[in-house]
Amino acid sequence: MAAFFDFLTDGANLFAVMALLVLTLAVLMRSMRDLRISVLVAGLLAIAHFGFRQADTLALIWVVILSLANAVQLALLLKRSRHGLLRAEERALIEDVLQVQEPAQQRRLLDLVKWRDVAAGSELIAQGQARPPLIYIAMGEAAVTFDGAPVGVAEPGDFLGEMSLVSGATASAAVTADTAMRIALIERNGILRLSAAIPELAGAFDRAMNLGMAAKIARMNEAAVQDRE
């Protein structure tokens, strides 16, 4: 135990342990950008480690070379990316919700999205509507009703019309803006074609919509319990 404590209290060894921890976290990263950033941080920590170990000159040289190569690739990725041009609402939808980081895929997705400001009281989806729009809520809340009775609330980060997109059925409930809203209208046919052409996008949409539906169901269950109380 004392030997392990002495190992950790050695400054050079501490940098090495931190580098290994960051590399372990890098394996869990889902985007290439985050992966390269993590590897770069690990490389800098490794450089600090070998910098203290002046006898490990060859190892230090190789770590520097690998870190520089990774830094160049990260810079090229960021340069190609539209990250700096994305508005906050676009970034939330494309990068945070759908977790699409590839610049080319981001551009193709943005071509299918139209942003709209919606006034309170506006009908977003009618119950029984055929081919209802696919909507992402960036700001505001909407009431979900079935035969006029409230059944839930849609909040920022939710999708609307996703079940009809998957099943092809008519809208099972009506959705009306409770407050002023900022929404994204996503072209139905376009997203279906794009998902068919790029399996990664299909998986991204499936994951995002499943999480959204699970969140809405959880809110409906909580509301039902509160009503009984």
Protein backbone atom coordinates (compact mmCIF):
# COMPACT_ATOMS: atom_id res chain seq x y z
CA MET A 1 0.00 0.00 0.00
CA ALA A 2 2.85 2.36 0.88
CA ALA A 3 4.55 1.58 -2.43
CA PHE A 4 1.33 2.41 -4.30
CA PHE A 5 1.03 5.70 -2.40
CA ASP A 6 4.63 6.55 -3.21
CA PHE A 7 3.91 5.76 -6.87
CA LEU A 8 0.96 8.18 -6.98
CA THR A 9 2.74 10.94 -5.11
CA ASP A 10 5.45 10.94 -7.75
CA GLY A 11 4.48 13.84 -10.05
CA ALA A 12 5.53 12.06 -13.23
CA ASN A 13 3.55 8.93 -12.35
CA LEU A 14 0.46 11.00 -11.57
CA PHE A 15 0.54 12.46 -15.08
CA ALA A 16 0.82 8.94 -16.48
CA VAL A 17 -2.19 7.72 -14.51
CA MET A 18 -4.24 10.72 -15.60
CA ALA A 19 -3.26 10.10 -19.23
CA LEU A 20 -4.41 6.48 -18.99
CA LEU A 21 -7.71 7.55 -17.40
CA VAL A 22 -8.38 10.07 -20.18
CA LEU A 23 -7.53 7.44 -22.83
CA THR A 24 -10.00 5.07 -21.17
CA LEU A 25 -12.69 7.75 -21.31
CA ALA A 26 -11.80 8.40 -24.96
CA VAL A 27 -12.90 4.86 -25.82
CA LEU A 28 -16.40 5.79 -24.60
CA MET A 29 -16.68 8.88 -26.80
CA ARG A 30 -19.35 8.63 -29.50
CA SER A 31 -18.07 11.34 -31.81
CA MET A 32 -14.75 11.58 -33.63
CA ARG A 33 -14.30 15.17 -32.47
CA ASP A 34 -14.65 14.28 -28.78
CA LEU A 35 -12.42 11.24 -29.28
CA ARG A 36 -9.63 13.32 -30.81
CA ILE A 37 -9.93 15.98 -28.11
CA SER A 38 -9.63 13.31 -25.41
CA VAL A 39 -6.63 11.71 -27.10
CA LEU A 40 -4.99 15.13 -27.41
CA VAL A 41 -5.46 15.77 -23.67
CA ALA A 42 -4.04 12.32 -22.91
CA GLY A 43 -1.08 13.06 -25.16
CA LEU A 44 -0.32 16.32 -23.36
CA LEU A 45 -0.45 14.51 -20.02
CA ALA A 46 1.89 11.84 -21.38
CA ILE A 47 4.28 14.55 -22.59
CA ALA A 48 4.29 15.99 -19.07
CA HIS A 49 5.01 12.50 -17.68
CA PHE A 50 7.93 11.81 -20.00
CA GLY A 51 9.14 15.38 -19.58
CA PHE A 52 9.76 14.63 -15.93
CA ARG A 53 11.42 11.34 -16.91
CA GLN A 54 14.27 12.96 -18.80
CA ALA A 55 15.84 9.55 -19.41
CA ASP A 56 12.86 8.49 -21.56
CA THR A 57 13.78 10.80 -24.43
CA LEU A 58 12.75 8.39 -27.20
CA ALA A 59 9.35 7.80 -25.63
CA LEU A 60 8.87 11.55 -25.26
CA ILE A 61 9.68 12.10 -28.93
CA TRP A 62 7.15 9.49 -30.06
CA VAL A 63 4.42 10.89 -27.80
CA VAL A 64 5.07 14.38 -29.17
CA ILE A 65 4.86 13.10 -32.76
CA LEU A 66 1.62 11.22 -32.09
CA SER A 67 0.10 14.21 -30.28
CA LEU A 68 1.01 16.56 -33.13
CA ALA A 69 -0.50 14.18 -35.68
CA ASN A 70 -3.70 13.96 -33.65
CA ALA A 71 -3.78 17.75 -33.21
CA VAL A 72 -3.51 18.23 -36.98
CA GLN A 73 -6.36 15.80 -37.60
CA LEU A 74 -8.48 17.55 -34.96
CA ALA A 75 -7.80 20.93 -36.56
CA LEU A 76 -8.80 19.60 -39.97
CA LEU A 77 -11.98 18.11 -38.52
CA LEU A 78 -12.93 21.39 -36.84
CA LYS A 79 -12.13 23.31 -40.02
CA ARG A 80 -14.41 21.08 -42.08
CA SER A 81 -17.11 21.22 -39.45
CA ARG A 82 -19.88 23.80 -39.50
CA HIS A 83 -19.77 23.92 -35.73
CA GLY A 84 -18.81 27.57 -35.66
CA LEU A 85 -21.64 28.44 -38.07
CA LEU A 86 -24.39 26.54 -36.32
CA ARG A 87 -26.88 28.53 -34.27
CA ALA A 88 -27.50 27.32 -30.73
CA GLU A 89 -30.82 25.74 -31.69
CA GLU A 90 -29.25 23.95 -34.67
CA ARG A 91 -26.38 22.70 -32.53
CA ALA A 92 -28.83 21.40 -29.91
CA LEU A 93 -30.75 19.42 -32.54
CA ILE A 94 -27.92 18.22 -34.77
CA GLU A 95 -25.12 17.63 -32.29
CA ASP A 96 -26.73 17.17 -28.86
CA VAL A 97 -30.01 15.40 -29.66
CA LEU A 98 -29.14 13.51 -32.85
CA GLN A 99 -25.41 13.38 -32.00
CA VAL A 100 -24.38 13.81 -35.63
CA GLN A 101 -20.83 15.20 -35.77
CA GLU A 102 -19.77 14.50 -39.35
CA PRO A 103 -19.81 17.86 -41.21
CA ALA A 104 -21.19 16.43 -44.47
CA GLN A 105 -24.05 14.72 -42.65
CA GLN A 106 -24.76 17.90 -40.68
CA ARG A 107 -25.11 19.88 -43.88
CA ARG A 108 -27.49 17.34 -45.42
CA LEU A 109 -29.62 17.37 -42.28
CA LEU A 110 -29.78 21.16 -42.12
CA ASP A 111 -31.09 21.20 -45.70
CA LEU A 112 -34.15 19.28 -44.44
CA VAL A 113 -34.92 21.59 -41.50
CA LYS A 114 -37.01 24.77 -41.50
CA TRP A 115 -37.26 26.81 -38.32
CA ARG A 116 -40.52 28.48 -37.33
CA ASP A 117 -41.79 30.72 -34.52
CA VAL A 118 -45.26 29.62 -33.38
CA ALA A 119 -47.73 31.67 -31.36
CA ALA A 120 -49.53 30.30 -28.31
CA GLY A 121 -52.78 28.60 -29.29
CA SER A 122 -51.54 27.49 -32.72
CA GLU A 123 -52.44 23.97 -33.76
CA LEU A 124 -49.33 21.97 -34.59
CA ILE A 125 -50.93 18.60 -35.30
CA ALA A 126 -54.61 17.67 -35.62
CA GLN A 127 -55.90 14.40 -34.24
CA GLY A 128 -56.39 11.97 -37.12
CA GLN A 129 -54.23 14.08 -39.45
CA ALA A 130 -52.71 12.06 -42.26
CA ARG A 131 -48.94 12.43 -42.65
CA PRO A 132 -48.57 14.92 -39.78
CA PRO A 133 -45.39 17.02 -39.82
CA LEU A 134 -42.27 15.83 -38.04
CA ILE A 135 -41.50 18.56 -35.50
CA TYR A 136 -38.67 19.18 -33.06
CA ILE A 137 -39.34 21.57 -30.16
CA ALA A 138 -36.49 23.96 -29.44
CA MET A 139 -38.39 26.32 -27.11
CA GLY A 140 -41.81 26.46 -25.48
CA GLU A 141 -44.43 23.87 -24.53
CA ALA A 142 -47.39 22.24 -26.26
CA ALA A 143 -50.48 20.47 -24.95
CA VAL A 144 -51.24 16.96 -26.22
CA THR A 145 -54.94 16.04 -26.20
CA PHE A 146 -57.02 13.03 -27.22
CA ASP A 147 -60.69 13.68 -28.02
CA GLY A 148 -60.28 17.03 -26.30
CA ALA A 149 -58.93 15.61 -23.05
CA PRO A 150 -55.34 16.47 -22.00
CA VAL A 151 -53.01 13.48 -22.07
CA GLY A 152 -49.59 15.07 -21.89
CA VAL A 153 -47.24 17.98 -22.45
CA ALA A 154 -44.52 18.30 -25.09
CA GLU A 155 -41.38 20.16 -24.00
CA PRO A 156 -38.10 21.40 -25.50
CA GLY A 157 -36.11 18.49 -26.90
CA ASP A 158 -39.24 16.51 -27.81
CA PHE A 159 -40.23 15.33 -31.27
CA LEU A 160 -43.81 15.42 -32.50
CA GLY A 161 -45.21 13.25 -35.27
CA GLU A 162 -42.44 10.69 -34.93
CA MET A 163 -44.78 7.75 -34.34
CA SER A 164 -46.73 8.52 -37.51
CA LEU A 165 -43.46 8.79 -39.43
CA VAL A 166 -42.47 5.29 -38.34
CA SER A 167 -45.88 3.60 -38.56
CA GLY A 168 -47.45 5.55 -41.42
CA ALA A 169 -50.63 5.88 -39.33
CA THR A 170 -52.59 9.08 -38.81
CA ALA A 171 -51.87 11.29 -35.79
CA SER A 172 -53.21 9.64 -32.65
CA ALA A 173 -53.56 12.94 -30.73
CA ALA A 174 -53.81 16.67 -31.26
CA VAL A 175 -50.96 19.00 -30.33
CA THR A 176 -51.49 22.72 -29.63
CA ALA A 177 -48.94 25.32 -28.59
CA ASP A 178 -49.41 26.24 -24.93
CA THR A 179 -46.85 29.02 -25.15
CA ALA A 180 -44.93 30.84 -27.84
CA MET A 181 -42.69 28.22 -29.40
CA ARG A 182 -39.62 27.83 -31.57
CA ILE A 183 -39.83 24.64 -33.62
CA ALA A 184 -38.03 22.88 -36.44
CA LEU A 185 -40.08 21.34 -39.22
CA ILE A 186 -38.19 18.35 -40.58
CA GLU A 187 -39.03 17.21 -44.11
CA ARG A 188 -40.60 13.75 -43.77
CA ASN A 189 -39.72 12.28 -47.15
CA GLY A 190 -36.26 13.81 -47.09
CA ILE A 191 -35.38 12.33 -43.73
CA LEU A 192 -36.66 8.91 -44.77
CA ARG A 193 -34.53 8.99 -47.93
CA LEU A 194 -31.49 10.24 -46.04
CA SER A 195 -31.89 7.61 -43.32
CA ALA A 196 -32.12 4.88 -45.96
CA ALA A 197 -28.95 6.15 -47.64
CA ILE A 198 -26.96 6.66 -44.42
CA PRO A 199 -27.54 3.92 -41.82
CA GLU A 200 -25.76 5.97 -39.14
CA LEU A 201 -28.39 8.69 -39.47
CA ALA A 202 -31.19 6.15 -39.26
CA GLY A 203 -29.70 4.90 -36.00
CA ALA A 204 -29.31 8.45 -34.71
CA PHE A 205 -32.96 9.27 -35.38
CA ASP A 206 -34.19 5.99 -33.91
CA ARG A 207 -32.17 6.59 -30.75
CA ALA A 208 -33.31 10.20 -30.36
CA MET A 209 -36.97 9.42 -31.02
CA ASN A 210 -36.98 6.43 -28.66
CA LEU A 211 -35.51 8.57 -25.90
CA GLY A 212 -38.05 11.29 -26.63
CA MET A 213 -40.99 8.90 -26.53
CA ALA A 214 -39.73 7.37 -23.29
CA ALA A 215 -39.48 10.83 -21.72
CA LYS A 216 -43.03 11.75 -22.83
CA ILE A 217 -44.44 8.48 -21.48
CA ALA A 218 -42.66 9.04 -18.16
CA ARG A 219 -44.19 12.55 -17.90
CA MET A 220 -47.65 11.17 -18.73
CA ASN A 221 -47.30 8.52 -16.00
CA GLU A 222 -46.19 11.15 -13.47
CA ALA A 223 -49.17 13.33 -14.38
CA ALA A 224 -51.54 10.38 -13.99
CA VAL A 225 -50.16 9.63 -10.53
CA GLN A 226 -50.54 13.26 -9.46
CA ASP A 227 -54.14 13.32 -10.71
CA ARG A 228 -54.97 10.25 -8.60
CA GLU A 229 -53.45 11.92 -5.56
